[in-house]
Amino acid sequence: MAGKRRRFTAEFKARVALEALQERDSVQAIAARHELHPNQVSAWKRQLVDAVPEVFAKGGSRKLAKEHEAKIHDLHAKIGELTVERDFFRRGLKR
């Protein structure tokens, strides 16, 4: 059976992705050095490259903040909806 799933901080992901972007070493060498799968390093590199235009977009940080706030609002609404459903079904089972 596999061990616990590892979680990485955003700083670690950024450091590894920047290292891969510099292309001083191969993706395989970077992955081995950080004990990661090469596909993971490539995915983080791709995410970094895809996010770069947003950094330089005019008002990009405000746009990202608004999107983030909207996403949080939607998630809170979903949590409320699921809580109501759970309570409804829990009351129904007690009868």
N, C-alpha and C. Protein backbone atom coordinates (compact mmCIF):
# COMPACT_ATOMS: atom_id res chain seq x y z
N MET A 1 0.84 -1.18 0.00
CA MET A 1 0.00 0.00 0.00
C MET A 1 0.88 1.24 0.00
N ALA A 2 0.51 2.23 -0.74
CA ALA A 2 1.30 3.45 -0.85
C ALA A 2 1.20 4.26 0.44
N GLY A 3 2.21 5.11 0.66
CA GLY A 3 2.24 5.95 1.85
C GLY A 3 1.30 7.13 1.70
N LYS A 4 1.42 8.06 2.65
CA LYS A 4 0.58 9.26 2.61
C LYS A 4 0.93 10.11 1.41
N ARG A 5 -0.05 10.81 0.94
CA ARG A 5 0.13 11.71 -0.19
C ARG A 5 0.91 12.94 0.25
N ARG A 6 1.91 13.31 -0.51
CA ARG A 6 2.73 14.47 -0.15
C ARG A 6 2.07 15.74 -0.65
N ARG A 7 2.21 16.80 0.12
CA ARG A 7 1.68 18.11 -0.26
C ARG A 7 2.85 19.07 -0.33
N PHE A 8 2.83 19.92 -1.34
CA PHE A 8 3.92 20.85 -1.55
C PHE A 8 3.42 22.29 -1.44
N THR A 9 4.25 23.15 -0.90
CA THR A 9 3.89 24.55 -0.79
C THR A 9 4.01 25.22 -2.15
N ALA A 10 3.36 26.35 -2.28
CA ALA A 10 3.42 27.11 -3.52
C ALA A 10 4.86 27.57 -3.79
N GLU A 11 5.59 27.91 -2.73
CA GLU A 11 6.97 28.36 -2.89
C GLU A 11 7.84 27.24 -3.46
N PHE A 12 7.65 26.02 -2.95
CA PHE A 12 8.42 24.89 -3.45
C PHE A 12 8.11 24.63 -4.92
N LYS A 13 6.81 24.64 -5.25
CA LYS A 13 6.41 24.41 -6.64
C LYS A 13 7.02 25.47 -7.55
N ALA A 14 6.97 26.74 -7.11
CA ALA A 14 7.52 27.83 -7.92
C ALA A 14 9.02 27.66 -8.10
N ARG A 15 9.71 27.29 -7.04
CA ARG A 15 11.16 27.11 -7.12
C ARG A 15 11.52 26.00 -8.11
N VAL A 16 10.81 24.88 -8.04
CA VAL A 16 11.08 23.76 -8.93
C VAL A 16 10.73 24.13 -10.38
N ALA A 17 9.59 24.81 -10.57
CA ALA A 17 9.17 25.21 -11.91
C ALA A 17 10.16 26.20 -12.53
N LEU A 18 10.64 27.16 -11.73
CA LEU A 18 11.64 28.11 -12.24
C LEU A 18 12.94 27.41 -12.60
N GLU A 19 13.31 26.45 -11.79
CA GLU A 19 14.51 25.67 -12.07
C GLU A 19 14.36 24.92 -13.39
N ALA A 20 13.18 24.36 -13.62
CA ALA A 20 12.92 23.64 -14.88
C ALA A 20 12.87 24.60 -16.05
N LEU A 21 12.37 25.80 -15.82
CA LEU A 21 12.26 26.80 -16.88
C LEU A 21 13.64 27.29 -17.32
N GLN A 22 14.58 27.34 -16.40
CA GLN A 22 15.94 27.79 -16.73
C GLN A 22 16.67 26.80 -17.62
N GLU A 23 16.27 25.54 -17.58
CA GLU A 23 16.80 24.47 -18.43
C GLU A 23 18.31 24.28 -18.30
N ARG A 24 18.84 24.47 -17.10
CA ARG A 24 20.25 24.17 -16.85
C ARG A 24 20.44 22.66 -16.74
N ASP A 25 19.42 21.99 -16.16
CA ASP A 25 19.42 20.53 -16.04
C ASP A 25 18.18 20.00 -16.73
N SER A 26 18.18 18.71 -16.98
CA SER A 26 16.99 18.10 -17.59
C SER A 26 15.89 17.99 -16.55
N VAL A 27 14.67 17.83 -17.04
CA VAL A 27 13.52 17.68 -16.15
C VAL A 27 13.71 16.43 -15.29
N GLN A 28 14.28 15.39 -15.85
CA GLN A 28 14.51 14.16 -15.11
C GLN A 28 15.50 14.39 -13.97
N ALA A 29 16.55 15.17 -14.22
CA ALA A 29 17.54 15.45 -13.17
C ALA A 29 16.93 16.29 -12.05
N ILE A 30 16.13 17.27 -12.42
CA ILE A 30 15.46 18.11 -11.41
C ILE A 30 14.51 17.27 -10.58
N ALA A 31 13.75 16.40 -11.26
CA ALA A 31 12.79 15.54 -10.56
C ALA A 31 13.52 14.61 -9.59
N ALA A 32 14.62 14.04 -10.02
CA ALA A 32 15.37 13.14 -9.15
C ALA A 32 15.94 13.89 -7.95
N ARG A 33 16.43 15.09 -8.16
CA ARG A 33 17.01 15.88 -7.08
C ARG A 33 15.97 16.23 -6.01
N HIS A 34 14.74 16.48 -6.45
CA HIS A 34 13.68 16.86 -5.50
C HIS A 34 12.76 15.69 -5.15
N GLU A 35 13.11 14.49 -5.60
CA GLU A 35 12.33 13.27 -5.35
C GLU A 35 10.89 13.41 -5.84
N LEU A 36 10.75 13.83 -7.09
CA LEU A 36 9.45 14.01 -7.74
C LEU A 36 9.40 13.18 -9.01
N HIS A 37 8.21 13.03 -9.54
CA HIS A 37 8.06 12.38 -10.85
C HIS A 37 8.29 13.45 -11.92
N PRO A 38 8.98 13.12 -13.00
CA PRO A 38 9.23 14.11 -14.05
C PRO A 38 7.96 14.75 -14.61
N ASN A 39 6.86 13.99 -14.66
CA ASN A 39 5.60 14.57 -15.15
C ASN A 39 5.12 15.70 -14.24
N GLN A 40 5.36 15.57 -12.94
CA GLN A 40 4.94 16.60 -11.99
C GLN A 40 5.74 17.89 -12.23
N VAL A 41 7.03 17.74 -12.45
CA VAL A 41 7.88 18.92 -12.73
C VAL A 41 7.41 19.59 -14.02
N SER A 42 7.13 18.81 -15.03
CA SER A 42 6.66 19.36 -16.30
C SER A 42 5.32 20.07 -16.14
N ALA A 43 4.44 19.51 -15.33
CA ALA A 43 3.12 20.13 -15.11
C ALA A 43 3.27 21.47 -14.40
N TRP A 44 4.13 21.53 -13.39
CA TRP A 44 4.35 22.79 -12.68
C TRP A 44 4.99 23.83 -13.59
N LYS A 45 5.89 23.38 -14.45
CA LYS A 45 6.53 24.29 -15.41
C LYS A 45 5.48 24.86 -16.37
N ARG A 46 4.60 24.00 -16.86
CA ARG A 46 3.54 24.42 -17.78
C ARG A 46 2.59 25.42 -17.10
N GLN A 47 2.24 25.15 -15.84
CA GLN A 47 1.37 26.06 -15.10
C GLN A 47 2.02 27.42 -14.92
N LEU A 48 3.31 27.43 -14.67
CA LEU A 48 4.03 28.70 -14.52
C LEU A 48 4.04 29.48 -15.82
N VAL A 49 4.33 28.82 -16.91
CA VAL A 49 4.37 29.50 -18.21
C VAL A 49 2.98 30.01 -18.58
N ASP A 50 1.94 29.25 -18.29
CA ASP A 50 0.57 29.68 -18.60
C ASP A 50 0.13 30.88 -17.76
N ALA A 51 0.67 31.01 -16.54
CA ALA A 51 0.24 32.09 -15.65
C ALA A 51 1.02 33.38 -15.87
N VAL A 52 2.12 33.35 -16.58
CA VAL A 52 2.97 34.54 -16.75
C VAL A 52 2.23 35.70 -17.42
N PRO A 53 1.46 35.51 -18.48
CA PRO A 53 0.79 36.66 -19.09
C PRO A 53 -0.15 37.40 -18.14
N GLU A 54 -0.76 36.69 -17.20
CA GLU A 54 -1.66 37.33 -16.25
C GLU A 54 -0.92 38.28 -15.32
N VAL A 55 0.33 37.97 -15.04
CA VAL A 55 1.13 38.81 -14.16
C VAL A 55 1.37 40.17 -14.79
N PHE A 56 1.60 40.19 -16.09
CA PHE A 56 1.92 41.43 -16.78
C PHE A 56 0.71 42.13 -17.40
N ALA A 57 -0.45 41.52 -17.29
CA ALA A 57 -1.66 42.13 -17.84
C ALA A 57 -2.01 43.37 -17.03
N LYS A 58 -2.54 44.37 -17.70
CA LYS A 58 -2.94 45.60 -17.02
C LYS A 58 -4.09 45.27 -16.07
N GLY A 59 -3.90 45.60 -14.80
CA GLY A 59 -4.91 45.29 -13.80
C GLY A 59 -5.02 43.81 -13.52
N GLY A 60 -4.00 43.07 -13.86
CA GLY A 60 -4.05 41.61 -13.71
C GLY A 60 -4.23 41.16 -12.28
N SER A 61 -3.56 41.83 -11.36
CA SER A 61 -3.68 41.39 -9.96
C SER A 61 -5.08 41.68 -9.43
N ARG A 62 -5.68 42.80 -9.85
CA ARG A 62 -7.05 43.10 -9.43
C ARG A 62 -8.01 42.09 -10.02
N LYS A 63 -7.79 41.72 -11.27
CA LYS A 63 -8.66 40.75 -11.94
C LYS A 63 -8.55 39.40 -11.24
N LEU A 64 -7.32 39.00 -10.92
CA LEU A 64 -7.13 37.73 -10.23
C LEU A 64 -7.78 37.76 -8.85
N ALA A 65 -7.68 38.89 -8.16
CA ALA A 65 -8.29 39.01 -6.84
C ALA A 65 -9.81 38.89 -6.93
N LYS A 66 -10.40 39.53 -7.94
CA LYS A 66 -11.85 39.45 -8.12
C LYS A 66 -12.28 38.02 -8.43
N GLU A 67 -11.54 37.36 -9.31
CA GLU A 67 -11.85 35.97 -9.65
C GLU A 67 -11.75 35.08 -8.41
N HIS A 68 -10.72 35.34 -7.61
CA HIS A 68 -10.52 34.57 -6.39
C HIS A 68 -11.68 34.78 -5.42
N GLU A 69 -12.09 36.03 -5.25
CA GLU A 69 -13.21 36.33 -4.36
C GLU A 69 -14.50 35.68 -4.86
N ALA A 70 -14.73 35.72 -6.17
CA ALA A 70 -15.93 35.10 -6.74
C ALA A 70 -15.92 33.59 -6.51
N LYS A 71 -14.76 32.99 -6.67
CA LYS A 71 -14.65 31.55 -6.46
C LYS A 71 -14.92 31.20 -5.00
N ILE A 72 -14.38 32.00 -4.09
CA ILE A 72 -14.61 31.77 -2.67
C ILE A 72 -16.09 31.90 -2.34
N HIS A 73 -16.73 32.92 -2.91
CA HIS A 73 -18.17 33.12 -2.69
C HIS A 73 -18.97 31.91 -3.17
N ASP A 74 -18.64 31.41 -4.37
CA ASP A 74 -19.33 30.24 -4.90
C ASP A 74 -19.12 29.01 -4.02
N LEU A 75 -17.90 28.84 -3.54
CA LEU A 75 -17.62 27.69 -2.69
C LEU A 75 -18.35 27.78 -1.35
N HIS A 76 -18.43 28.98 -0.79
CA HIS A 76 -19.19 29.14 0.45
C HIS A 76 -20.67 28.84 0.22
N ALA A 77 -21.20 29.25 -0.90
CA ALA A 77 -22.60 28.97 -1.22
C ALA A 77 -22.81 27.46 -1.35
N LYS A 78 -21.89 26.79 -1.98
CA LYS A 78 -22.00 25.33 -2.15
C LYS A 78 -21.92 24.63 -0.79
N ILE A 79 -21.03 25.10 0.08
CA ILE A 79 -20.92 24.52 1.42
C ILE A 79 -22.23 24.67 2.16
N GLY A 80 -22.83 25.86 2.07
CA GLY A 80 -24.12 26.08 2.73
C GLY A 80 -25.19 25.16 2.19
N GLU A 81 -25.22 25.01 0.88
CA GLU A 81 -26.21 24.13 0.25
C GLU A 81 -26.05 22.68 0.70
N LEU A 82 -24.81 22.21 0.73
CA LEU A 82 -24.57 20.83 1.15
C LEU A 82 -24.87 20.62 2.63
N THR A 83 -24.63 21.64 3.44
CA THR A 83 -24.95 21.55 4.86
C THR A 83 -26.45 21.42 5.06
N VAL A 84 -27.21 22.21 4.34
CA VAL A 84 -28.67 22.14 4.44
C VAL A 84 -29.16 20.76 4.00
N GLU A 85 -28.63 20.25 2.90
CA GLU A 85 -29.03 18.92 2.42
C GLU A 85 -28.71 17.85 3.46
N ARG A 86 -27.51 17.93 4.02
CA ARG A 86 -27.10 16.93 5.01
C ARG A 86 -28.03 16.96 6.21
N ASP A 87 -28.34 18.16 6.71
CA ASP A 87 -29.23 18.28 7.86
C ASP A 87 -30.63 17.77 7.52
N PHE A 88 -31.10 18.05 6.32
CA PHE A 88 -32.42 17.59 5.90
C PHE A 88 -32.49 16.06 5.91
N PHE A 89 -31.48 15.43 5.31
CA PHE A 89 -31.48 13.98 5.25
C PHE A 89 -31.25 13.36 6.62
N ARG A 90 -30.47 14.00 7.45
CA ARG A 90 -30.23 13.49 8.78
C ARG A 90 -31.52 13.50 9.59
N ARG A 91 -32.32 14.59 9.47
CA ARG A 91 -33.61 14.65 10.16
C ARG A 91 -34.58 13.61 9.60
N GLY A 92 -34.50 13.35 8.30
CA GLY A 92 -35.39 12.37 7.69
C GLY A 92 -35.08 10.96 8.15
N LEU A 93 -33.83 10.66 8.41
CA LEU A 93 -33.46 9.33 8.86
C LEU A 93 -33.85 9.08 10.31
N LYS A 94 -33.97 10.13 11.09
CA LYS A 94 -34.34 9.96 12.50
C LYS A 94 -35.80 9.59 12.67
N ARG A 95 -36.63 9.86 11.69
CA ARG A 95 -38.07 9.59 11.80
C ARG A 95 -38.39 8.15 11.63
